[in-house]
Amino acid sequence: LLPKGLDWESNQHNRSYEELVLPSKDVAPDHVLQ
């Protein structure tokens, strides 16, 4: 249910929660509350 990722050939793949947090450093933990 987490957002999918794209590889360098534009193929979709599943990502882990941890893989999503790294590129989302600018998204605050309380972003949904905001």
PDB file of all heavy atoms in Angstrom:
ATOM      1  N   LEU A   1       0.802  -1.225   0.000  1.00  0.00           N
ATOM      2  CA  LEU A   1       0.000   0.000   0.000  1.00  0.00           C
ATOM      3  C   LEU A   1       0.837   1.279   0.000  1.00  0.00           C
ATOM      4  O   LEU A   1       0.279   2.365  -0.074  1.00  0.00           O
ATOM      5  CB  LEU A   1      -0.937   0.001   1.213  1.00  0.00           C
ATOM      6  CG  LEU A   1      -2.000  -1.094   1.203  1.00  0.00           C
ATOM      7  CD1 LEU A   1      -2.745  -1.120   2.524  1.00  0.00           C
ATOM      8  CD2 LEU A   1      -2.947  -0.911   0.036  1.00  0.00           C
ATOM      9  N   LEU A   2       2.153   1.159   0.079  1.00  0.00           N
ATOM     10  CA  LEU A   2       3.007   2.349   0.072  1.00  0.00           C
ATOM     11  C   LEU A   2       3.246   2.800  -1.370  1.00  0.00           C
ATOM     12  O   LEU A   2       3.133   2.001  -2.307  1.00  0.00           O
ATOM     13  CB  LEU A   2       4.336   2.040   0.766  1.00  0.00           C
ATOM     14  CG  LEU A   2       4.218   1.788   2.267  1.00  0.00           C
ATOM     15  CD1 LEU A   2       5.536   1.251   2.830  1.00  0.00           C
ATOM     16  CD2 LEU A   2       3.809   3.052   2.996  1.00  0.00           C
ATOM     17  N   PRO A   3       3.581   4.091  -1.555  1.00  0.00           N
ATOM     18  CA  PRO A   3       3.844   4.570  -2.919  1.00  0.00           C
ATOM     19  C   PRO A   3       4.944   3.758  -3.597  1.00  0.00           C
ATOM     20  O   PRO A   3       5.943   3.400  -2.982  1.00  0.00           O
ATOM     21  CB  PRO A   3       4.284   6.022  -2.704  1.00  0.00           C
ATOM     22  CG  PRO A   3       3.672   6.415  -1.406  1.00  0.00           C
ATOM     23  CD  PRO A   3       3.682   5.163  -0.572  1.00  0.00           C
ATOM     24  N   LYS A   4       4.728   3.453  -4.851  1.00  0.00           N
ATOM     25  CA  LYS A   4       5.688   2.683  -5.630  1.00  0.00           C
ATOM     26  C   LYS A   4       6.868   3.568  -6.047  1.00  0.00           C
ATOM     27  O   LYS A   4       6.770   4.780  -6.093  1.00  0.00           O
ATOM     28  CB  LYS A   4       5.028   2.128  -6.898  1.00  0.00           C
ATOM     29  CG  LYS A   4       3.760   1.344  -6.657  1.00  0.00           C
ATOM     30  CD  LYS A   4       4.042  -0.068  -6.271  1.00  0.00           C
ATOM     31  CE  LYS A   4       2.784  -0.891  -6.220  1.00  0.00           C
ATOM     32  NZ  LYS A   4       2.553  -1.507  -4.958  1.00  0.00           N
ATOM     33  N   GLY A   5       7.958   2.918  -6.378  1.00  0.00           N
ATOM     34  CA  GLY A   5       9.126   3.615  -6.896  1.00  0.00           C
ATOM     35  C   GLY A   5       9.332   3.261  -8.354  1.00  0.00           C
ATOM     36  O   GLY A   5       8.745   2.312  -8.873  1.00  0.00           O
ATOM     37  N   LEU A   6      10.160   4.036  -9.026  1.00  0.00           N
ATOM     38  CA  LEU A   6      10.515   3.764 -10.415  1.00  0.00           C
ATOM     39  C   LEU A   6      12.013   3.548 -10.497  1.00  0.00           C
ATOM     40  O   LEU A   6      12.784   4.297  -9.904  1.00  0.00           O
ATOM     41  CB  LEU A   6      10.126   4.934 -11.324  1.00  0.00           C
ATOM     42  CG  LEU A   6       8.642   5.211 -11.517  1.00  0.00           C
ATOM     43  CD1 LEU A   6       8.444   6.465 -12.357  1.00  0.00           C
ATOM     44  CD2 LEU A   6       7.956   4.033 -12.180  1.00  0.00           C
ATOM     45  N   ASP A   7      12.421   2.523 -11.256  1.00  0.00           N
ATOM     46  CA  ASP A   7      13.850   2.334 -11.446  1.00  0.00           C
ATOM     47  C   ASP A   7      14.301   3.125 -12.678  1.00  0.00           C
ATOM     48  O   ASP A   7      13.504   3.833 -13.301  1.00  0.00           O
ATOM     49  CB  ASP A   7      14.206   0.848 -11.536  1.00  0.00           C
ATOM     50  CG  ASP A   7      13.597   0.147 -12.738  1.00  0.00           C
ATOM     51  OD1 ASP A   7      13.206   0.823 -13.721  1.00  0.00           O
ATOM     52  OD2 ASP A   7      13.505  -1.098 -12.719  1.00  0.00           O
ATOM     53  N   TRP A   8      15.566   2.985 -13.020  1.00  0.00           N
ATOM     54  CA  TRP A   8      16.125   3.791 -14.108  1.00  0.00           C
ATOM     55  C   TRP A   8      15.523   3.441 -15.460  1.00  0.00           C
ATOM     56  O   TRP A   8      15.641   4.196 -16.424  1.00  0.00           O
ATOM     57  CB  TRP A   8      17.647   3.679 -14.125  1.00  0.00           C
ATOM     58  CG  TRP A   8      18.156   2.273 -14.344  1.00  0.00           C
ATOM     59  CD1 TRP A   8      18.266   1.289 -13.409  1.00  0.00           C
ATOM     60  CD2 TRP A   8      18.591   1.729 -15.568  1.00  0.00           C
ATOM     61  NE1 TRP A   8      18.754   0.144 -13.976  1.00  0.00           N
ATOM     62  CE2 TRP A   8      18.974   0.395 -15.311  1.00  0.00           C
ATOM     63  CE3 TRP A   8      18.706   2.223 -16.861  1.00  0.00           C
ATOM     64  CZ2 TRP A   8      19.444  -0.447 -16.306  1.00  0.00           C
ATOM     65  CZ3 TRP A   8      19.194   1.382 -17.840  1.00  0.00           C
ATOM     66  CH2 TRP A   8      19.553   0.065 -17.561  1.00  0.00           C
ATOM     67  N   GLU A   9      14.811   2.312 -15.571  1.00  0.00           N
ATOM     68  CA  GLU A   9      14.129   1.933 -16.808  1.00  0.00           C
ATOM     69  C   GLU A   9      12.631   2.232 -16.742  1.00  0.00           C
ATOM     70  O   GLU A   9      11.868   1.762 -17.558  1.00  0.00           O
ATOM     71  CB  GLU A   9      14.356   0.448 -17.096  1.00  0.00           C
ATOM     72  CG  GLU A   9      15.791   0.103 -17.424  1.00  0.00           C
ATOM     73  CD  GLU A   9      15.965  -1.373 -17.723  1.00  0.00           C
ATOM     74  OE1 GLU A   9      15.222  -2.206 -17.134  1.00  0.00           O
ATOM     75  OE2 GLU A   9      16.842  -1.690 -18.533  1.00  0.00           O
ATOM     76  N   SER A  10      12.230   2.994 -15.740  1.00  0.00           N
ATOM     77  CA  SER A  10      10.833   3.379 -15.518  1.00  0.00           C
ATOM     78  C   SER A  10       9.924   2.206 -15.156  1.00  0.00           C
ATOM     79  O   SER A  10       8.720   2.255 -15.395  1.00  0.00           O
ATOM     80  CB  SER A  10      10.270   4.139 -16.723  1.00  0.00           C
ATOM     81  OG  SER A  10      10.959   5.342 -16.910  1.00  0.00           O
ATOM     82  N   ASN A  11      10.495   1.161 -14.596  1.00  0.00           N
ATOM     83  CA  ASN A  11       9.696   0.038 -14.103  1.00  0.00           C
ATOM     84  C   ASN A  11       9.311   0.306 -12.656  1.00  0.00           C
ATOM     85  O   ASN A  11      10.141   0.716 -11.860  1.00  0.00           O
ATOM     86  CB  ASN A  11      10.495  -1.271 -14.187  1.00  0.00           C
ATOM     87  CG  ASN A  11      10.829  -1.627 -15.615  1.00  0.00           C
ATOM     88  OD1 ASN A  11       9.994  -1.535 -16.496  1.00  0.00           O
ATOM     89  ND2 ASN A  11      12.066  -2.037 -15.845  1.00  0.00           N
ATOM     90  N   GLN A  12       8.044   0.061 -12.338  1.00  0.00           N
ATOM     91  CA  GLN A  12       7.578   0.248 -10.966  1.00  0.00           C
ATOM     92  C   GLN A  12       8.048  -0.886 -10.073  1.00  0.00           C
ATOM     93  O   GLN A  12       8.158  -2.032 -10.523  1.00  0.00           O
ATOM     94  CB  GLN A  12       6.048   0.285 -10.921  1.00  0.00           C
ATOM     95  CG  GLN A  12       5.448   1.612 -11.189  1.00  0.00           C
ATOM     96  CD  GLN A  12       3.982   1.650 -10.779  1.00  0.00           C
ATOM     97  OE1 GLN A  12       3.353   0.639 -10.517  1.00  0.00           O
ATOM     98  NE2 GLN A  12       3.435   2.842 -10.729  1.00  0.00           N
ATOM     99  N   HIS A  13       8.318  -0.543  -8.821  1.00  0.00           N
ATOM    100  CA  HIS A  13       8.660  -1.555  -7.831  1.00  0.00           C
ATOM    101  C   HIS A  13       8.170  -1.086  -6.469  1.00  0.00           C
ATOM    102  O   HIS A  13       7.958   0.104  -6.244  1.00  0.00           O
ATOM    103  CB  HIS A  13      10.175  -1.820  -7.798  1.00  0.00           C
ATOM    104  CG  HIS A  13      10.982  -0.609  -7.459  1.00  0.00           C
ATOM    105  ND1 HIS A  13      11.297  -0.248  -6.176  1.00  0.00           N
ATOM    106  CD2 HIS A  13      11.529   0.338  -8.256  1.00  0.00           C
ATOM    107  CE1 HIS A  13      12.001   0.867  -6.193  1.00  0.00           C
ATOM    108  NE2 HIS A  13      12.159   1.246  -7.435  1.00  0.00           N
ATOM    109  N   ASN A  14       7.980  -2.036  -5.582  1.00  0.00           N
ATOM    110  CA  ASN A  14       7.531  -1.708  -4.226  1.00  0.00           C
ATOM    111  C   ASN A  14       8.680  -1.090  -3.451  1.00  0.00           C
ATOM    112  O   ASN A  14       9.844  -1.424  -3.671  1.00  0.00           O
ATOM    113  CB  ASN A  14       7.033  -2.966  -3.507  1.00  0.00           C
ATOM    114  CG  ASN A  14       5.791  -3.523  -4.139  1.00  0.00           C
ATOM    115  OD1 ASN A  14       4.946  -2.783  -4.617  1.00  0.00           O
ATOM    116  ND2 ASN A  14       5.667  -4.823  -4.172  1.00  0.00           N
ATOM    117  N   ARG A  15       8.335  -0.165  -2.559  1.00  0.00           N
ATOM    118  CA  ARG A  15       9.339   0.446  -1.690  1.00  0.00           C
ATOM    119  C   ARG A  15       8.943   0.211  -0.244  1.00  0.00           C
ATOM    120  O   ARG A  15       7.765   0.134   0.091  1.00  0.00           O
ATOM    121  CB  ARG A  15       9.431   1.963  -1.945  1.00  0.00           C
ATOM    122  CG  ARG A  15      10.019   2.296  -3.295  1.00  0.00           C
ATOM    123  CD  ARG A  15      10.363   3.750  -3.404  1.00  0.00           C
ATOM    124  NE  ARG A  15       9.147   4.563  -3.485  1.00  0.00           N
ATOM    125  CZ  ARG A  15       9.161   5.881  -3.638  1.00  0.00           C
ATOM    126  NH1 ARG A  15      10.291   6.534  -3.720  1.00  0.00           N
ATOM    127  NH2 ARG A  15       8.036   6.547  -3.707  1.00  0.00           N
ATOM    128  N   SER A  16       9.956   0.130   0.595  1.00  0.00           N
ATOM    129  CA  SER A  16       9.712  -0.018   2.026  1.00  0.00           C
ATOM    130  C   SER A  16       9.463   1.372   2.626  1.00  0.00           C
ATOM    131  O   SER A  16       9.759   2.399   2.007  1.00  0.00           O
ATOM    132  CB  SER A  16      10.919  -0.664   2.707  1.00  0.00           C
ATOM    133  OG  SER A  16      12.024   0.226   2.696  1.00  0.00           O
ATOM    134  N   TYR A  17       8.952   1.359   3.833  1.00  0.00           N
ATOM    135  CA  TYR A  17       8.748   2.616   4.556  1.00  0.00           C
ATOM    136  C   TYR A  17      10.067   3.385   4.659  1.00  0.00           C
ATOM    137  O   TYR A  17      10.117   4.585   4.405  1.00  0.00           O
ATOM    138  CB  TYR A  17       8.163   2.333   5.944  1.00  0.00           C
ATOM    139  CG  TYR A  17       8.069   3.570   6.795  1.00  0.00           C
ATOM    140  CD1 TYR A  17       7.010   4.451   6.644  1.00  0.00           C
ATOM    141  CD2 TYR A  17       9.062   3.874   7.718  1.00  0.00           C
ATOM    142  CE1 TYR A  17       6.935   5.606   7.407  1.00  0.00           C
ATOM    143  CE2 TYR A  17       8.997   5.025   8.488  1.00  0.00           C
ATOM    144  CZ  TYR A  17       7.934   5.884   8.326  1.00  0.00           C
ATOM    145  OH  TYR A  17       7.865   7.030   9.073  1.00  0.00           O
ATOM    146  N   GLU A  18      11.137   2.678   5.012  1.00  0.00           N
ATOM    147  CA  GLU A  18      12.450   3.307   5.173  1.00  0.00           C
ATOM    148  C   GLU A  18      12.937   3.931   3.860  1.00  0.00           C
ATOM    149  O   GLU A  18      13.541   4.993   3.865  1.00  0.00           O
ATOM    150  CB  GLU A  18      13.475   2.290   5.691  1.00  0.00           C
ATOM    151  CG  GLU A  18      13.200   1.810   7.102  1.00  0.00           C
ATOM    152  CD  GLU A  18      12.067   0.770   7.204  1.00  0.00           C
ATOM    153  OE1 GLU A  18      11.676   0.163   6.184  1.00  0.00           O
ATOM    154  OE2 GLU A  18      11.564   0.590   8.325  1.00  0.00           O
ATOM    155  N   GLU A  19      12.670   3.265   2.735  1.00  0.00           N
ATOM    156  CA  GLU A  19      13.055   3.802   1.429  1.00  0.00           C
ATOM    157  C   GLU A  19      12.277   5.075   1.095  1.00  0.00           C
ATOM    158  O   GLU A  19      12.755   5.912   0.336  1.00  0.00           O
ATOM    159  CB  GLU A  19      12.833   2.767   0.334  1.00  0.00           C
ATOM    160  CG  GLU A  19      13.784   1.597   0.377  1.00  0.00           C
ATOM    161  CD  GLU A  19      13.427   0.521  -0.629  1.00  0.00           C
ATOM    162  OE1 GLU A  19      12.223   0.192  -0.753  1.00  0.00           O
ATOM    163  OE2 GLU A  19      14.344   0.006  -1.272  1.00  0.00           O
ATOM    164  N   LEU A  20      11.099   5.227   1.646  1.00  0.00           N
ATOM    165  CA  LEU A  20      10.294   6.429   1.406  1.00  0.00           C
ATOM    166  C   LEU A  20      10.721   7.587   2.294  1.00  0.00           C
ATOM    167  O   LEU A  20      10.632   8.746   1.896  1.00  0.00           O
ATOM    168  CB  LEU A  20       8.813   6.133   1.640  1.00  0.00           C
ATOM    169  CG  LEU A  20       8.153   5.269   0.582  1.00  0.00           C
ATOM    170  CD1 LEU A  20       6.830   4.735   1.085  1.00  0.00           C
ATOM    171  CD2 LEU A  20       7.975   6.057  -0.692  1.00  0.00           C
ATOM    172  N   VAL A  21      11.175   7.293   3.501  1.00  0.00           N
ATOM    173  CA  VAL A  21      11.554   8.349   4.439  1.00  0.00           C
ATOM    174  C   VAL A  21      12.792   9.101   3.953  1.00  0.00           C
ATOM    175  O   VAL A  21      12.844  10.330   4.037  1.00  0.00           O
ATOM    176  CB  VAL A  21      11.774   7.782   5.855  1.00  0.00           C
ATOM    177  CG1 VAL A  21      12.367   8.826   6.780  1.00  0.00           C
ATOM    178  CG2 VAL A  21      10.459   7.283   6.438  1.00  0.00           C
ATOM    179  N   LEU A  22      13.769   8.386   3.435  1.00  0.00           N
ATOM    180  CA  LEU A  22      15.032   9.021   3.020  1.00  0.00           C
ATOM    181  C   LEU A  22      14.837  10.175   2.032  1.00  0.00           C
ATOM    182  O   LEU A  22      15.325  11.273   2.275  1.00  0.00           O
ATOM    183  CB  LEU A  22      15.991   7.972   2.448  1.00  0.00           C
ATOM    184  CG  LEU A  22      16.592   7.030   3.480  1.00  0.00           C
ATOM    185  CD1 LEU A  22      17.419   5.959   2.794  1.00  0.00           C
ATOM    186  CD2 LEU A  22      17.433   7.793   4.482  1.00  0.00           C
ATOM    187  N   PRO A  23      14.113   9.978   0.929  1.00  0.00           N
ATOM    188  CA  PRO A  23      13.928  11.111   0.007  1.00  0.00           C
ATOM    189  C   PRO A  23      12.874  12.121   0.475  1.00  0.00           C
ATOM    190  O   PRO A  23      12.663  13.144  -0.160  1.00  0.00           O
ATOM    191  CB  PRO A  23      13.503  10.449  -1.299  1.00  0.00           C
ATOM    192  CG  PRO A  23      12.918   9.150  -0.908  1.00  0.00           C
ATOM    193  CD  PRO A  23      13.613   8.735   0.363  1.00  0.00           C
ATOM    194  N   SER A  24      12.219  11.828   1.584  1.00  0.00           N
ATOM    195  CA  SER A  24      11.152  12.702   2.101  1.00  0.00           C
ATOM    196  C   SER A  24      11.606  13.474   3.332  1.00  0.00           C
ATOM    197  O   SER A  24      10.797  13.770   4.206  1.00  0.00           O
ATOM    198  CB  SER A  24       9.919  11.860   2.445  1.00  0.00           C
ATOM    199  OG  SER A  24       9.484  11.120   1.348  1.00  0.00           O
ATOM    200  N   LYS A  25      12.879  13.803   3.419  1.00  0.00           N
ATOM    201  CA  LYS A  25      13.403  14.500   4.597  1.00  0.00           C
ATOM    202  C   LYS A  25      12.710  15.839   4.839  1.00  0.00           C
ATOM    203  O   LYS A  25      12.591  16.276   5.970  1.00  0.00           O
ATOM    204  CB  LYS A  25      14.909  14.722   4.445  1.00  0.00           C
ATOM    205  CG  LYS A  25      15.709  13.458   4.536  1.00  0.00           C
ATOM    206  CD  LYS A  25      17.186  13.736   4.346  1.00  0.00           C
ATOM    207  CE  LYS A  25      17.954  12.434   4.284  1.00  0.00           C
ATOM    208  NZ  LYS A  25      19.347  12.642   3.941  1.00  0.00           N
ATOM    209  N   ASP A  26      12.247  16.479   3.776  1.00  0.00           N
ATOM    210  CA  ASP A  26      11.575  17.773   3.919  1.00  0.00           C
ATOM    211  C   ASP A  26      10.123  17.633   4.370  1.00  0.00           C
ATOM    212  O   ASP A  26       9.473  18.628   4.672  1.00  0.00           O
ATOM    213  CB  ASP A  26      11.637  18.556   2.608  1.00  0.00           C
ATOM    214  CG  ASP A  26      13.051  18.935   2.231  1.00  0.00           C
ATOM    215  OD1 ASP A  26      13.909  19.036   3.132  1.00  0.00           O
ATOM    216  OD2 ASP A  26      13.306  19.139   1.036  1.00  0.00           O
ATOM    217  N   VAL A  27       9.616  16.418   4.391  1.00  0.00           N
ATOM    218  CA  VAL A  27       8.244  16.167   4.842  1.00  0.00           C
ATOM    219  C   VAL A  27       8.316  15.894   6.341  1.00  0.00           C
ATOM    220  O   VAL A  27       8.842  14.882   6.777  1.00  0.00           O
ATOM    221  CB  VAL A  27       7.618  14.970   4.095  1.00  0.00           C
ATOM    222  CG1 VAL A  27       6.230  14.682   4.630  1.00  0.00           C
ATOM    223  CG2 VAL A  27       7.566  15.247   2.604  1.00  0.00           C
ATOM    224  N   ALA A  28       7.772  16.808   7.116  1.00  0.00           N
ATOM    225  CA  ALA A  28       7.816  16.699   8.581  1.00  0.00           C
ATOM    226  C   ALA A  28       6.995  15.507   9.052  1.00  0.00           C
ATOM    227  O   ALA A  28       6.011  15.124   8.398  1.00  0.00           O
ATOM    228  CB  ALA A  28       7.282  17.979   9.217  1.00  0.00           C
ATOM    229  N   PRO A  29       7.367  14.924  10.184  1.00  0.00           N
ATOM    230  CA  PRO A  29       6.577  13.816  10.728  1.00  0.00           C
ATOM    231  C   PRO A  29       5.113  14.192  10.974  1.00  0.00           C
ATOM    232  O   PRO A  29       4.228  13.346  10.903  1.00  0.00           O
ATOM    233  CB  PRO A  29       7.283  13.474  12.039  1.00  0.00           C
ATOM    234  CG  PRO A  29       8.695  13.888  11.813  1.00  0.00           C
ATOM    235  CD  PRO A  29       8.595  15.129  10.952  1.00  0.00           C
ATOM    236  N   ASP A  30       4.831  15.454  11.238  1.00  0.00           N
ATOM    237  CA  ASP A  30       3.438  15.883  11.473  1.00  0.00           C
ATOM    238  C   ASP A  30       2.819  16.508  10.217  1.00  0.00           C
ATOM    239  O   ASP A  30       1.848  17.250  10.294  1.00  0.00           O
ATOM    240  CB  ASP A  30       3.365  16.844  12.660  1.00  0.00           C
ATOM    241  CG  ASP A  30       3.981  18.202  12.379  1.00  0.00           C
ATOM    242  OD1 ASP A  30       4.771  18.335  11.424  1.00  0.00           O
ATOM    243  OD2 ASP A  30       3.660  19.148  13.121  1.00  0.00           O
ATOM    244  N   HIS A  31       3.330  16.170   9.056  1.00  0.00           N
ATOM    245  CA  HIS A  31       2.837  16.740   7.793  1.00  0.00           C
ATOM    246  C   HIS A  31       1.335  16.505   7.602  1.00  0.00           C
ATOM    247  O   HIS A  31       0.612  17.409   7.206  1.00  0.00           O
ATOM    248  CB  HIS A  31       3.629  16.136   6.624  1.00  0.00           C
ATOM    249  CG  HIS A  31       3.391  16.798   5.314  1.00  0.00           C
ATOM    250  ND1 HIS A  31       3.959  18.001   4.983  1.00  0.00           N
ATOM    251  CD2 HIS A  31       2.636  16.427   4.255  1.00  0.00           C
ATOM    252  CE1 HIS A  31       3.578  18.343   3.768  1.00  0.00           C
ATOM    253  NE2 HIS A  31       2.769  17.400   3.303  1.00  0.00           N
ATOM    254  N   VAL A  32       0.875  15.291   7.917  1.00  0.00           N
ATOM    255  CA  VAL A  32      -0.550  14.991   7.754  1.00  0.00           C
ATOM    256  C   VAL A  32      -1.389  15.852   8.700  1.00  0.00           C
ATOM    257  O   VAL A  32      -2.479  16.307   8.337  1.00  0.00           O
ATOM    258  CB  VAL A  32      -0.842  13.480   7.912  1.00  0.00           C
ATOM    259  CG1 VAL A  32      -0.690  13.015   9.334  1.00  0.00           C
ATOM    260  CG2 VAL A  32      -2.223  13.138   7.388  1.00  0.00           C
ATOM    261  N   LEU A  33      -0.891  16.114   9.903  1.00  0.00           N
ATOM    262  CA  LEU A  33      -1.592  16.993  10.845  1.00  0.00           C
ATOM    263  C   LEU A  33      -1.649  18.420  10.297  1.00  0.00           C
ATOM    264  O   LEU A  33      -2.700  19.069  10.368  1.00  0.00           O
ATOM    265  CB  LEU A  33      -0.902  16.979  12.210  1.00  0.00           C
ATOM    266  CG  LEU A  33      -1.470  17.925  13.259  1.00  0.00           C
ATOM    267  CD1 LEU A  33      -2.923  17.587  13.573  1.00  0.00           C
ATOM    268  CD2 LEU A  33      -0.615  17.892  14.519  1.00  0.00           C
ATOM    269  N   GLN A  34      -0.551  18.885   9.739  1.00  0.00           N
ATOM    270  CA  GLN A  34      -0.525  20.232   9.162  1.00  0.00           C
ATOM    271  C   GLN A  34      -1.534  20.364   8.029  1.00  0.00           C
ATOM    272  O   GLN A  34      -2.220  21.383   7.910  1.00  0.00           O
ATOM    273  CB  GLN A  34       0.882  20.566   8.655  1.00  0.00           C
ATOM    274  CG  GLN A  34       1.913  20.714   9.754  1.00  0.00           C
ATOM    275  CD  GLN A  34       3.301  20.949   9.183  1.00  0.00           C
ATOM    276  OE1 GLN A  34       3.471  21.593   8.158  1.00  0.00           O
ATOM    277  NE2 GLN A  34       4.311  20.402   9.860  1.00  0.00           N
TER     278      GLN A  34
END
